[in-house]
PDB file of N, CA and C in Angstrom:
ATOM      1  N   MET A   1      45.932  41.351  12.992  1.00  0.00           N
ATOM      2  CA  MET A   1      45.764  40.294  13.509  1.00  0.00           C
ATOM      3  C   MET A   1      44.261  40.072  13.934  1.00  0.00           C
ATOM      4  N   GLU A   2      43.406  39.148  13.444  1.00  0.00           N
ATOM      5  CA  GLU A   2      41.912  38.791  13.808  1.00  0.00           C
ATOM      6  C   GLU A   2      41.979  37.999  14.973  1.00  0.00           C
ATOM      7  N   THR A   3      40.722  38.602  15.644  1.00  0.00           N
ATOM      8  CA  THR A   3      40.631  37.674  16.977  1.00  0.00           C
ATOM      9  C   THR A   3      39.795  36.481  16.583  1.00  0.00           C
ATOM     10  N   LYS A   4      39.889  35.424  17.584  1.00  0.00           N
ATOM     11  CA  LYS A   4      39.469  34.314  17.741  1.00  0.00           C
ATOM     12  C   LYS A   4      38.000  34.361  17.441  1.00  0.00           C
ATOM     13  N   GLU A   5      37.386  35.145  17.736  1.00  0.00           N
ATOM     14  CA  GLU A   5      35.697  35.245  17.578  1.00  0.00           C
ATOM     15  C   GLU A   5      35.490  35.571  16.249  1.00  0.00           C
ATOM     16  N   ASN A   6      36.381  36.324  15.262  1.00  0.00           N
ATOM     17  CA  ASN A   6      36.054  36.905  14.282  1.00  0.00           C
ATOM     18  C   ASN A   6      36.470  35.817  12.990  1.00  0.00           C
ATOM     19  N   ILE A   7      37.526  34.735  13.348  1.00  0.00           N
ATOM     20  CA  ILE A   7      37.747  33.504  12.765  1.00  0.00           C
ATOM     21  C   ILE A   7      36.453  32.511  12.757  1.00  0.00           C
ATOM     22  N   LEU A   8      35.841  32.279  14.038  1.00  0.00           N
ATOM     23  CA  LEU A   8      35.046  31.234  14.328  1.00  0.00           C
ATOM     24  C   LEU A   8      33.437  31.476  14.047  1.00  0.00           C
ATOM     25  N   GLU A   9      33.452  32.971  13.880  1.00  0.00           N
ATOM     26  CA  GLU A   9      31.826  33.222  13.576  1.00  0.00           C
ATOM     27  C   GLU A   9      31.488  33.150  12.131  1.00  0.00           C
ATOM     28  N   PRO A  10      32.340  33.143  11.060  1.00  0.00           N
ATOM     29  CA  PRO A  10      31.678  32.798   9.771  1.00  0.00           C
ATOM     30  C   PRO A  10      31.782  30.877   9.818  1.00  0.00           C
ATOM     31  N   LEU A  11      32.778  30.485  10.368  1.00  0.00           N
ATOM     32  CA  LEU A  11      32.956  29.063  10.253  1.00  0.00           C
ATOM     33  C   LEU A  11      31.235  28.740  11.098  1.00  0.00           C
ATOM     34  N   LEU A  12      31.145  29.113  12.532  1.00  0.00           N
ATOM     35  CA  LEU A  12      29.910  28.778  12.990  1.00  0.00           C
ATOM     36  C   LEU A  12      28.664  29.121  12.001  1.00  0.00           C
ATOM     37  N   GLU A  13      28.695  30.193  11.656  1.00  0.00           N
ATOM     38  CA  GLU A  13      27.337  30.737  10.596  1.00  0.00           C
ATOM     39  C   GLU A  13      27.377  29.501   9.634  1.00  0.00           C
ATOM     40  N   LYS A  14      28.345  29.032   8.555  1.00  0.00           N
ATOM     41  CA  LYS A  14      28.208  27.896   7.792  1.00  0.00           C
ATOM     42  C   LYS A  14      28.142  26.631   8.311  1.00  0.00           C
ATOM     43  N   ALA A  15      28.456  26.673   9.479  1.00  0.00           N
ATOM     44  CA  ALA A  15      27.756  25.329   9.977  1.00  0.00           C
ATOM     45  C   ALA A  15      26.501  25.294  10.563  1.00  0.00           C
ATOM     46  N   LEU A  16      25.841  26.102  11.099  1.00  0.00           N
ATOM     47  CA  LEU A  16      24.289  26.390  11.024  1.00  0.00           C
ATOM     48  C   LEU A  16      23.645  26.269   9.542  1.00  0.00           C
ATOM     49  N   GLN A  17      24.123  26.992   8.484  1.00  0.00           N
ATOM     50  CA  GLN A  17      23.592  26.926   7.604  1.00  0.00           C
ATOM     51  C   GLN A  17      23.657  25.379   6.967  1.00  0.00           C
ATOM     52  N   TYR A  18      24.609  24.700   6.862  1.00  0.00           N
ATOM     53  CA  TYR A  18      24.757  23.469   6.297  1.00  0.00           C
ATOM     54  C   TYR A  18      23.695  22.516   7.204  1.00  0.00           C
ATOM     55  N   GLY A  19      23.673  22.807   8.297  1.00  0.00           N
ATOM     56  CA  GLY A  19      22.559  22.080   9.552  1.00  0.00           C
ATOM     57  C   GLY A  19      21.270  22.205   8.650  1.00  0.00           C
ATOM     58  N   GLN A  20      21.192  23.558   8.577  1.00  0.00           N
ATOM     59  CA  GLN A  20      19.574  23.810   8.291  1.00  0.00           C
ATOM     60  C   GLN A  20      19.320  23.225   6.700  1.00  0.00           C
ATOM     61  N   THR A  21      20.310  23.467   5.628  1.00  0.00           N
ATOM     62  CA  THR A  21      19.930  22.842   4.668  1.00  0.00           C
ATOM     63  C   THR A  21      19.791  21.220   4.605  1.00  0.00           C
ATOM     64  N   SER A  22      21.062  20.466   5.661  1.00  0.00           N
ATOM     65  CA  SER A  22      20.274  19.083   5.600  1.00  0.00           C
ATOM     66  C   SER A  22      19.136  18.537   6.342  1.00  0.00           C
ATOM     67  N   ILE A  23      18.742  19.467   7.274  1.00  0.00           N
ATOM     68  CA  ILE A  23      17.333  19.234   7.467  1.00  0.00           C
ATOM     69  C   ILE A  23      16.353  19.302   6.828  1.00  0.00           C
ATOM     70  N   ALA A  24      16.336  20.513   5.581  1.00  0.00           N
ATOM     71  CA  ALA A  24      15.619  20.679   4.553  1.00  0.00           C
ATOM     72  C   ALA A  24      15.731  19.633   3.606  1.00  0.00           C
ATOM     73  N   LEU A  25      16.739  19.036   3.532  1.00  0.00           N
ATOM     74  CA  LEU A  25      16.788  18.030   2.517  1.00  0.00           C
ATOM     75  C   LEU A  25      15.955  16.395   3.131  1.00  0.00           C
ATOM     76  N   LEU A  26      16.414  16.484   4.113  1.00  0.00           N
ATOM     77  CA  LEU A  26      15.846  15.194   4.698  1.00  0.00           C
ATOM     78  C   LEU A  26      14.150  15.381   4.653  1.00  0.00           C
ATOM     79  N   LYS A  27      13.523  16.832   5.333  1.00  0.00           N
ATOM     80  CA  LYS A  27      12.243  17.039   4.977  1.00  0.00           C
ATOM     81  C   LYS A  27      11.713  16.482   3.473  1.00  0.00           C
ATOM     82  N   LEU A  28      12.402  16.821   2.465  1.00  0.00           N
ATOM     83  CA  LEU A  28      11.986  16.952   1.110  1.00  0.00           C
ATOM     84  C   LEU A  28      11.994  15.462   0.781  1.00  0.00           C
ATOM     85  N   GLU A  29      13.337  14.908   1.116  1.00  0.00           N
ATOM     86  CA  GLU A  29      13.299  13.188   0.949  1.00  0.00           C
ATOM     87  C   GLU A  29      12.412  12.825   1.380  1.00  0.00           C
ATOM     88  N   ALA A  30      11.610  12.970   2.747  1.00  0.00           N
ATOM     89  CA  ALA A  30      10.607  12.228   3.334  1.00  0.00           C
ATOM     90  C   ALA A  30       9.331  12.471   2.783  1.00  0.00           C
ATOM     91  N   GLN A  31       9.336  13.948   2.179  1.00  0.00           N
ATOM     92  CA  GLN A  31       7.859  13.931   1.403  1.00  0.00           C
ATOM     93  C   GLN A  31       7.748  13.423   0.150  1.00  0.00           C
ATOM     94  N   ASN A  32       9.136  13.264  -0.711  1.00  0.00           N
ATOM     95  CA  ASN A  32       9.036  12.413  -1.648  1.00  0.00           C
ATOM     96  C   ASN A  32       8.682  11.053  -1.522  1.00  0.00           C
ATOM     97  N   LYS A  33       9.443  10.581  -0.620  1.00  0.00           N
ATOM     98  CA  LYS A  33       8.884   9.299  -0.033  1.00  0.00           C
ATOM     99  C   LYS A  33       7.294   9.136   0.398  1.00  0.00           C
ATOM    100  N   LEU A  34       7.205   9.734   1.119  1.00  0.00           N
ATOM    101  CA  LEU A  34       5.425   9.877   1.633  1.00  0.00           C
ATOM    102  C   LEU A  34       4.792   9.947   0.248  1.00  0.00           C
ATOM    103  N   ALA A  35       4.932  10.861  -0.443  1.00  0.00           N
ATOM    104  CA  ALA A  35       4.391  10.923  -1.629  1.00  0.00           C
ATOM    105  C   ALA A  35       4.364   9.564  -2.611  1.00  0.00           C
ATOM    106  N   THR A  36       5.333   8.699  -2.637  1.00  0.00           N
ATOM    107  CA  THR A  36       5.100   7.734  -3.673  1.00  0.00           C
ATOM    108  C   THR A  36       4.426   6.714  -3.022  1.00  0.00           C
ATOM    109  N   VAL A  37       4.588   6.740  -1.478  1.00  0.00           N
ATOM    110  CA  VAL A  37       4.199   5.400  -1.133  1.00  0.00           C
ATOM    111  C   VAL A  37       2.298   5.754  -1.246  1.00  0.00           C
ATOM    112  N   THR A  38       1.840   6.856  -0.890  1.00  0.00           N
ATOM    113  CA  THR A  38       0.504   7.462  -1.220  1.00  0.00           C
ATOM    114  C   THR A  38      -0.036   7.071  -2.598  1.00  0.00           C
ATOM    115  N   GLY A  39       1.007   7.714  -3.698  1.00  0.00           N
ATOM    116  CA  GLY A  39       0.655   7.228  -4.702  1.00  0.00           C
ATOM    117  C   GLY A  39       0.591   5.868  -4.927  1.00  0.00           C
ATOM    118  N   SER A  40       1.068   4.961  -4.335  1.00  0.00           N
ATOM    119  CA  SER A  40       0.985   3.659  -5.103  1.00  0.00           C
ATOM    120  C   SER A  40      -0.022   3.118  -4.216  1.00  0.00           C
ATOM    121  N   LEU A  41      -0.404   3.511  -2.610  1.00  0.00           N
ATOM    122  CA  LEU A  41      -1.321   3.020  -2.057  1.00  0.00           C
ATOM    123  C   LEU A  41      -2.920   3.278  -2.849  1.00  0.00           C
ATOM    124  N   ALA A  42      -2.622   4.572  -3.379  1.00  0.00           N
ATOM    125  CA  ALA A  42      -4.190   4.962  -3.694  1.00  0.00           C
ATOM    126  C   ALA A  42      -4.074   4.256  -5.036  1.00  0.00           C
ATOM    127  N   ARG A  43      -3.248   3.931  -5.702  1.00  0.00           N
ATOM    128  CA  ARG A  43      -3.200   2.973  -7.160  1.00  0.00           C
ATOM    129  C   ARG A  43      -4.070   1.870  -6.758  1.00  0.00           C
ATOM    130  N   GLN A  44      -3.485   0.942  -5.707  1.00  0.00           N
ATOM    131  CA  GLN A  44      -3.847  -0.186  -5.253  1.00  0.00           C
ATOM    132  C   GLN A  44      -5.144  -0.418  -4.796  1.00  0.00           C
ATOM    133  N   ALA A  45      -5.523   0.813  -4.199  1.00  0.00           N
ATOM    134  CA  ALA A  45      -6.811   0.875  -3.802  1.00  0.00           C
ATOM    135  C   ALA A  45      -7.676   0.559  -4.549  1.00  0.00           C
ATOM    136  N   VAL A  46      -7.570   1.571  -5.843  1.00  0.00           N
ATOM    137  CA  VAL A  46      -8.615   1.870  -7.082  1.00  0.00           C
ATOM    138  C   VAL A  46      -8.465   0.291  -7.587  1.00  0.00           C
ATOM    139  N   ILE A  47      -7.489  -0.363  -7.840  1.00  0.00           N
ATOM    140  CA  ILE A  47      -7.081  -1.347  -8.312  1.00  0.00           C
ATOM    141  C   ILE A  47      -8.160  -2.362  -7.607  1.00  0.00           C
ATOM    142  N   ALA A  48      -7.849  -2.684  -5.992  1.00  0.00           N
ATOM    143  CA  ALA A  48      -8.532  -3.005  -5.208  1.00  0.00           C
ATOM    144  C   ALA A  48     -10.306  -3.086  -5.567  1.00  0.00           C
ATOM    145  N   LEU A  49     -10.948  -2.366  -5.557  1.00  0.00           N
ATOM    146  CA  LEU A  49     -12.100  -1.655  -5.764  1.00  0.00           C
ATOM    147  C   LEU A  49     -12.976  -1.984  -6.896  1.00  0.00           C
ATOM    148  N   MET A  50     -11.852  -1.632  -7.991  1.00  0.00           N
ATOM    149  CA  MET A  50     -12.269  -2.263  -9.466  1.00  0.00           C
ATOM    150  C   MET A  50     -12.408  -3.866  -9.579  1.00  0.00           C
ATOM    151  N   ALA A  51     -11.098  -4.604  -8.683  1.00  0.00           N
ATOM    152  CA  ALA A  51     -11.396  -5.777  -8.842  1.00  0.00           C
ATOM    153  C   ALA A  51     -12.682  -6.300  -7.999  1.00  0.00           C
ATOM    154  N   PHE A  52     -12.763  -5.653  -6.543  1.00  0.00           N
ATOM    155  CA  PHE A  52     -13.991  -6.269  -6.010  1.00  0.00           C
ATOM    156  C   PHE A  52     -15.493  -6.009  -6.801  1.00  0.00           C
ATOM    157  N   ALA A  53     -15.549  -4.801  -7.513  1.00  0.00           N
ATOM    158  CA  ALA A  53     -16.867  -5.002  -8.303  1.00  0.00           C
ATOM    159  C   ALA A  53     -17.091  -5.770  -9.498  1.00  0.00           C
ATOM    160  N   LEU A  54     -15.673  -6.187  -9.900  1.00  0.00           N
ATOM    161  CA  LEU A  54     -15.573  -7.360 -10.733  1.00  0.00           C
ATOM    162  C   LEU A  54     -16.233  -8.516 -10.269  1.00  0.00           C
ATOM    163  N   LEU A  55     -15.629  -9.243  -8.917  1.00  0.00           N
ATOM    164  CA  LEU A  55     -15.871 -10.158  -8.417  1.00  0.00           C
ATOM    165  C   LEU A  55     -17.305  -9.960  -8.148  1.00  0.00           C
ATOM    166  N   LEU A  56     -17.589  -8.985  -7.539  1.00  0.00           N
ATOM    167  CA  LEU A  56     -19.181  -9.185  -6.887  1.00  0.00           C
ATOM    168  C   LEU A  56     -20.085  -9.386  -8.274  1.00  0.00           C
ATOM    169  N   PHE A  57     -19.964  -8.686  -9.546  1.00  0.00           N
ATOM    170  CA  PHE A  57     -21.035  -8.985 -10.522  1.00  0.00           C
ATOM    171  C   PHE A  57     -20.635 -10.278 -11.319  1.00  0.00           C
ATOM    172  N   THR A  58     -19.462 -10.828 -11.003  1.00  0.00           N
ATOM    173  CA  THR A  58     -19.389 -12.025 -11.410  1.00  0.00           C
ATOM    174  C   THR A  58     -19.623 -12.999 -10.643  1.00  0.00           C
ATOM    175  N   SER A  59     -19.605 -12.761  -9.527  1.00  0.00           N
ATOM    176  CA  SER A  59     -20.190 -13.800  -8.649  1.00  0.00           C
ATOM    177  C   SER A  59     -22.039 -14.099  -8.648  1.00  0.00           C
ATOM    178  N   ILE A  60     -22.508 -12.684  -8.822  1.00  0.00           N
ATOM    179  CA  ILE A  60     -23.709 -12.609  -8.850  1.00  0.00           C
ATOM    180  C   ILE A  60     -24.102 -13.563 -10.219  1.00  0.00           C
ATOM    181  N   GLY A  61     -23.486 -13.535 -11.408  1.00  0.00           N
ATOM    182  CA  GLY A  61     -23.717 -13.974 -12.435  1.00  0.00           C
ATOM    183  C   GLY A  61     -23.973 -15.432 -12.386  1.00  0.00           C
ATOM    184  N   ALA A  62     -22.602 -15.742 -11.847  1.00  0.00           N
ATOM    185  CA  ALA A  62     -22.521 -17.277 -11.434  1.00  0.00           C
ATOM    186  C   ALA A  62     -23.624 -17.892 -10.582  1.00  0.00           C
ATOM    187  N   ALA A  63     -23.706 -17.559  -9.683  1.00  0.00           N
ATOM    188  CA  ALA A  63     -25.108 -17.561  -8.658  1.00  0.00           C
ATOM    189  C   ALA A  63     -26.072 -18.021  -9.592  1.00  0.00           C
ATOM    190  N   LEU A  64     -26.399 -16.891 -10.215  1.00  0.00           N
ATOM    191  CA  LEU A  64     -27.778 -16.924 -11.061  1.00  0.00           C
ATOM    192  C   LEU A  64     -27.675 -17.938 -12.193  1.00  0.00           C
ATOM    193  N   TRP A  65     -26.853 -18.244 -12.752  1.00  0.00           N
ATOM    194  CA  TRP A  65     -26.747 -19.103 -14.106  1.00  0.00           C
ATOM    195  C   TRP A  65     -26.320 -20.613 -13.041  1.00  0.00           C
ATOM    196  N   LEU A  66     -25.994 -20.826 -12.099  1.00  0.00           N
ATOM    197  CA  LEU A  66     -25.833 -22.169 -11.325  1.00  0.00           C
ATOM    198  C   LEU A  66     -27.278 -22.381 -10.950  1.00  0.00           C
ATOM    199  N   GLY A  67     -27.788 -21.373 -10.413  1.00  0.00           N
ATOM    200  CA  GLY A  67     -29.233 -21.453  -9.721  1.00  0.00           C
ATOM    201  C   GLY A  67     -30.012 -22.043 -10.880  1.00  0.00           C
ATOM    202  N   GLN A  68     -30.194 -21.270 -12.057  1.00  0.00           N
ATOM    203  CA  GLN A  68     -30.640 -21.777 -13.188  1.00  0.00           C
ATOM    204  C   GLN A  68     -30.619 -23.206 -13.862  1.00  0.00           C
ATOM    205  N   TYR A  69     -29.170 -23.661 -13.612  1.00  0.00           N
ATOM    206  CA  TYR A  69     -28.915 -24.956 -13.932  1.00  0.00           C
ATOM    207  C   TYR A  69     -29.551 -26.154 -13.109  1.00  0.00           C
ATOM    208  N   TRP A  70     -29.414 -25.654 -11.556  1.00  0.00           N
ATOM    209  CA  TRP A  70     -29.642 -26.473 -10.939  1.00  0.00           C
ATOM    210  C   TRP A  70     -31.320 -26.598 -10.437  1.00  0.00           C
ATOM    211  N   GLY A  71     -32.085 -25.410 -11.072  1.00  0.00           N
ATOM    212  CA  GLY A  71     -33.524 -25.308 -11.070  1.00  0.00           C
ATOM    213  C   GLY A  71     -34.165 -24.363  -9.670  1.00  0.00           C
ATOM    214  N   LYS A  72     -33.229 -24.225  -9.179  1.00  0.00           N
ATOM    215  CA  LYS A  72     -33.446 -23.646  -7.761  1.00  0.00           C
ATOM    216  C   LYS A  72     -32.417 -22.501  -7.618  1.00  0.00           C
ATOM    217  N   PRO A  73     -33.032 -21.066  -7.626  1.00  0.00           N
ATOM    218  CA  PRO A  73     -31.854 -20.252  -7.673  1.00  0.00           C
ATOM    219  C   PRO A  73     -31.157 -19.793  -6.156  1.00  0.00           C
ATOM    220  N   HIS A  74     -31.447 -20.210  -5.341  1.00  0.00           N
ATOM    221  CA  HIS A  74     -30.740 -20.164  -3.989  1.00  0.00           C
ATOM    222  C   HIS A  74     -29.676 -21.326  -3.873  1.00  0.00           C
ATOM    223  N   TYR A  75     -29.604 -22.396  -4.928  1.00  0.00           N
ATOM    224  CA  TYR A  75     -28.454 -23.359  -4.909  1.00  0.00           C
ATOM    225  C   TYR A  75     -27.495 -22.461  -5.436  1.00  0.00           C
ATOM    226  N   GLY A  76     -27.650 -21.733  -6.740  1.00  0.00           N
ATOM    227  CA  GLY A  76     -26.229 -21.151  -7.400  1.00  0.00           C
ATOM    228  C   GLY A  76     -25.681 -20.402  -6.169  1.00  0.00           C
ATOM    229  N   PHE A  77     -26.630 -19.292  -5.314  1.00  0.00           N
ATOM    230  CA  PHE A  77     -25.781 -18.879  -4.196  1.00  0.00           C
ATOM    231  C   PHE A  77     -25.384 -19.537  -3.386  1.00  0.00           C
ATOM    232  N   LEU A  78     -25.821 -20.660  -2.803  1.00  0.00           N
ATOM    233  CA  LEU A  78     -25.325 -21.591  -1.881  1.00  0.00           C
ATOM    234  C   LEU A  78     -23.692 -21.903  -2.367  1.00  0.00           C
ATOM    235  N   ILE A  79     -23.790 -22.330  -3.749  1.00  0.00           N
ATOM    236  CA  ILE A  79     -22.317 -23.069  -4.348  1.00  0.00           C
ATOM    237  C   ILE A  79     -21.349 -22.093  -4.299  1.00  0.00           C
ATOM    238  N   VAL A  80     -21.898 -20.557  -4.727  1.00  0.00           N
ATOM    239  CA  VAL A  80     -20.796 -19.524  -4.567  1.00  0.00           C
ATOM    240  C   VAL A  80     -20.163 -19.274  -3.668  1.00  0.00           C
ATOM    241  N   ALA A  81     -21.031 -19.355  -2.428  1.00  0.00           N
ATOM    242  CA  ALA A  81     -20.825 -18.925  -1.109  1.00  0.00           C
ATOM    243  C   ALA A  81     -19.945 -20.146  -0.778  1.00  0.00           C
ATOM    244  N   ALA A  82     -20.242 -21.238  -0.810  1.00  0.00           N
ATOM    245  CA  ALA A  82     -19.355 -22.335  -0.659  1.00  0.00           C
ATOM    246  C   ALA A  82     -17.661 -22.289  -1.273  1.00  0.00           C
ATOM    247  N   ILE A  83     -17.699 -21.837  -2.472  1.00  0.00           N
ATOM    248  CA  ILE A  83     -16.628 -21.594  -2.807  1.00  0.00           C
ATOM    249  C   ILE A  83     -15.855 -20.216  -2.325  1.00  0.00           C
ATOM    250  N   TYR A  84     -16.630 -19.186  -2.063  1.00  0.00           N
ATOM    251  CA  TYR A  84     -15.733 -18.345  -1.176  1.00  0.00           C
ATOM    252  C   TYR A  84     -15.531 -18.786   0.311  1.00  0.00           C
ATOM    253  N   ALA A  85     -16.207 -19.532   0.784  1.00  0.00           N
ATOM    254  CA  ALA A  85     -15.713 -20.298   2.505  1.00  0.00           C
ATOM    255  C   ALA A  85     -14.351 -20.950   1.995  1.00  0.00           C
ATOM    256  N   LEU A  86     -14.587 -21.957   1.016  1.00  0.00           N
ATOM    257  CA  LEU A  86     -13.049 -22.420   0.508  1.00  0.00           C
ATOM    258  C   LEU A  86     -11.989 -21.505   0.689  1.00  0.00           C
ATOM    259  N   GLY A  87     -12.078 -20.307  -0.001  1.00  0.00           N
ATOM    260  CA  GLY A  87     -11.036 -19.292  -0.645  1.00  0.00           C
ATOM    261  C   GLY A  87     -10.770 -18.690   1.152  1.00  0.00           C
ATOM    262  N   LEU A  88     -11.617 -18.644   1.968  1.00  0.00           N
ATOM    263  CA  LEU A  88     -11.265 -17.938   3.053  1.00  0.00           C
ATOM    264  C   LEU A  88     -10.289 -19.136   3.899  1.00  0.00           C
ATOM    265  N   GLY A  89     -11.104 -20.257   4.109  1.00  0.00           N
ATOM    266  CA  GLY A  89     -10.344 -21.172   4.709  1.00  0.00           C
ATOM    267  C   GLY A  89      -8.808 -21.004   4.158  1.00  0.00           C
ATOM    268  N   LEU A  90      -8.472 -21.129   2.940  1.00  0.00           N
ATOM    269  CA  LEU A  90      -7.229 -21.325   2.559  1.00  0.00           C
ATOM    270  C   LEU A  90      -6.654 -19.558   2.975  1.00  0.00           C
ATOM    271  N   LEU A  91      -7.016 -18.496   2.766  1.00  0.00           N
ATOM    272  CA  LEU A  91      -6.204 -17.744   3.448  1.00  0.00           C
ATOM    273  C   LEU A  91      -6.069 -17.410   4.640  1.00  0.00           C
ATOM    274  N   LEU A  92      -7.074 -18.237   5.327  1.00  0.00           N
ATOM    275  CA  LEU A  92      -6.836 -18.267   6.954  1.00  0.00           C
ATOM    276  C   LEU A  92      -5.636 -19.334   7.492  1.00  0.00           C
ATOM    277  N   LEU A  93      -5.569 -20.193   6.692  1.00  0.00           N
ATOM    278  CA  LEU A  93      -4.483 -21.283   6.693  1.00  0.00           C
ATOM    279  C   LEU A  93      -2.804 -20.443   6.393  1.00  0.00           C
ATOM    280  N   ILE A  94      -3.156 -19.553   5.662  1.00  0.00           N
ATOM    281  CA  ILE A  94      -1.679 -18.932   5.016  1.00  0.00           C
ATOM    282  C   ILE A  94      -1.885 -17.099   5.610  1.00  0.00           C
ATOM    283  N   PRO A  95      -1.914 -16.884   6.621  1.00  0.00           N
ATOM    284  CA  PRO A  95      -2.228 -15.510   6.860  1.00  0.00           C
ATOM    285  C   PRO A  95      -0.932 -14.663   6.725  1.00  0.00           C
ATOM    286  N   ASN A  96       0.239 -15.423   6.900  1.00  0.00           N
ATOM    287  CA  ASN A  96       1.494 -14.346   6.951  1.00  0.00           C
ATOM    288  C   ASN A  96       1.941 -14.089   5.455  1.00  0.00           C
ATOM    289  N   ALA A  97       1.447 -14.797   4.327  1.00  0.00           N
ATOM    290  CA  ALA A  97       1.828 -14.731   3.207  1.00  0.00           C
ATOM    291  C   ALA A  97       1.535 -13.211   2.469  1.00  0.00           C
ATOM    292  N   ILE A  98       0.105 -12.904   3.149  1.00  0.00           N
ATOM    293  CA  ILE A  98      -0.232 -11.765   2.717  1.00  0.00           C
ATOM    294  C   ILE A  98       0.422 -10.229   3.424  1.00  0.00           C
ATOM    295  N   LYS A  99       0.580 -10.321   4.540  1.00  0.00           N
ATOM    296  CA  LYS A  99       1.266  -9.719   5.501  1.00  0.00           C
ATOM    297  C   LYS A  99       2.786  -9.333   5.174  1.00  0.00           C
ATOM    298  N   LYS A 100       3.502 -10.865   4.776  1.00  0.00           N
ATOM    299  CA  LYS A 100       4.612 -10.228   3.717  1.00  0.00           C
ATOM    300  C   LYS A 100       4.646  -9.636   2.662  1.00  0.00           C
ATOM    301  N   ARG A 101       3.668  -9.904   1.783  1.00  0.00           N
ATOM    302  CA  ARG A 101       3.853  -9.424   0.623  1.00  0.00           C
ATOM    303  C   ARG A 101       3.718  -7.902   0.967  1.00  0.00           C
ATOM    304  N   VAL A 102       2.408  -7.637   1.691  1.00  0.00           N
ATOM    305  CA  VAL A 102       1.977  -6.100   1.731  1.00  0.00           C
ATOM    306  C   VAL A 102       3.261  -5.488   2.458  1.00  0.00           C
ATOM    307  N   SER A 103       3.950  -5.965   3.412  1.00  0.00           N
ATOM    308  CA  SER A 103       5.287  -5.397   4.236  1.00  0.00           C
ATOM    309  C   SER A 103       6.713  -5.176   3.355  1.00  0.00           C
ATOM    310  N   ASP A 104       6.491  -6.069   2.768  1.00  0.00           N
ATOM    311  CA  ASP A 104       7.761  -6.347   1.490  1.00  0.00           C
ATOM    312  C   ASP A 104       7.648  -4.945   0.527  1.00  0.00           C
ATOM    313  N   THR A 105       6.335  -5.003  -0.111  1.00  0.00           N
ATOM    314  CA  THR A 105       6.134  -3.671  -1.014  1.00  0.00           C
ATOM    315  C   THR A 105       6.163  -2.284  -0.298  1.00  0.00           C
ATOM    316  N   THR A 106       5.931  -2.311   0.785  1.00  0.00           N
ATOM    317  CA  THR A 106       5.821  -0.940   1.551  1.00  0.00           C
ATOM    318  C   THR A 106       7.579  -0.641   1.775  1.00  0.00           C
ATOM    319  N   ILE A 107       8.104  -1.342   1.969  1.00  0.00           N
ATOM    320  CA  ILE A 107       9.278  -1.483   2.723  1.00  0.00           C
ATOM    321  C   ILE A 107      10.138  -0.922   1.340  1.00  0.00           C
ATOM    322  N   THR A 108       9.932  -1.842   0.234  1.00  0.00           N
ATOM    323  CA  THR A 108      10.460  -1.642  -1.285  1.00  0.00           C
ATOM    324  C   THR A 108      10.234  -0.235  -1.633  1.00  0.00           C
ATOM    325  N   GLN A 109       8.945   0.120  -1.461  1.00  0.00           N
ATOM    326  CA  GLN A 109       8.313   1.501  -2.075  1.00  0.00           C
ATOM    327  C   GLN A 109       9.541   2.726  -1.011  1.00  0.00           C
ATOM    328  N   LEU A 110       9.673   2.222   0.250  1.00  0.00           N
ATOM    329  CA  LEU A 110      10.205   3.409   1.082  1.00  0.00           C
ATOM    330  C   LEU A 110      11.693   3.525   0.525  1.00  0.00           C
ATOM    331  N   ILE A 111      12.314   2.393   0.418  1.00  0.00           N
ATOM    332  CA  ILE A 111      14.054   2.287   0.209  1.00  0.00           C
ATOM    333  C   ILE A 111      14.426   2.899  -1.089  1.00  0.00           C
ATOM    334  N   HIS A 112      13.276   2.029  -2.220  1.00  0.00           N
ATOM    335  CA  HIS A 112      14.225   2.505  -3.366  1.00  0.00           C
ATOM    336  C   HIS A 112      12.778   3.542  -4.064  1.00  0.00           C
ATOM    337  N   PRO A 113      13.022   4.153  -5.203  1.00  0.00           N
ATOM    338  CA  PRO A 113      12.315   5.152  -5.373  1.00  0.00           C
ATOM    339  C   PRO A 113      11.608   4.653  -6.572  1.00  0.00           C
TER     340      PRO A 113
END
């Protein structure tokens, strides 16, 4: 007849292995989520950088063109700056829209692969 210690020992060993395996699985899942979110953020950063460059050069071109049209180069830059000021004013009126979109995207990436 086996003693209680001999019966419990394999059971405790298996429970310990199960716990270690569960922790390893959680670590791997966290790494996967982190990699997914990091990849998504890197992609968005590259897109934002390219969009910024496009916007910058388009703005300079538009400012030079408007300045030539109005006869004085600084007029074109002032007009483009006024357009940006209007856009900034609109963004300041709706600050939660951008924050909500970014947080929703991040949460979606974390929850769904």
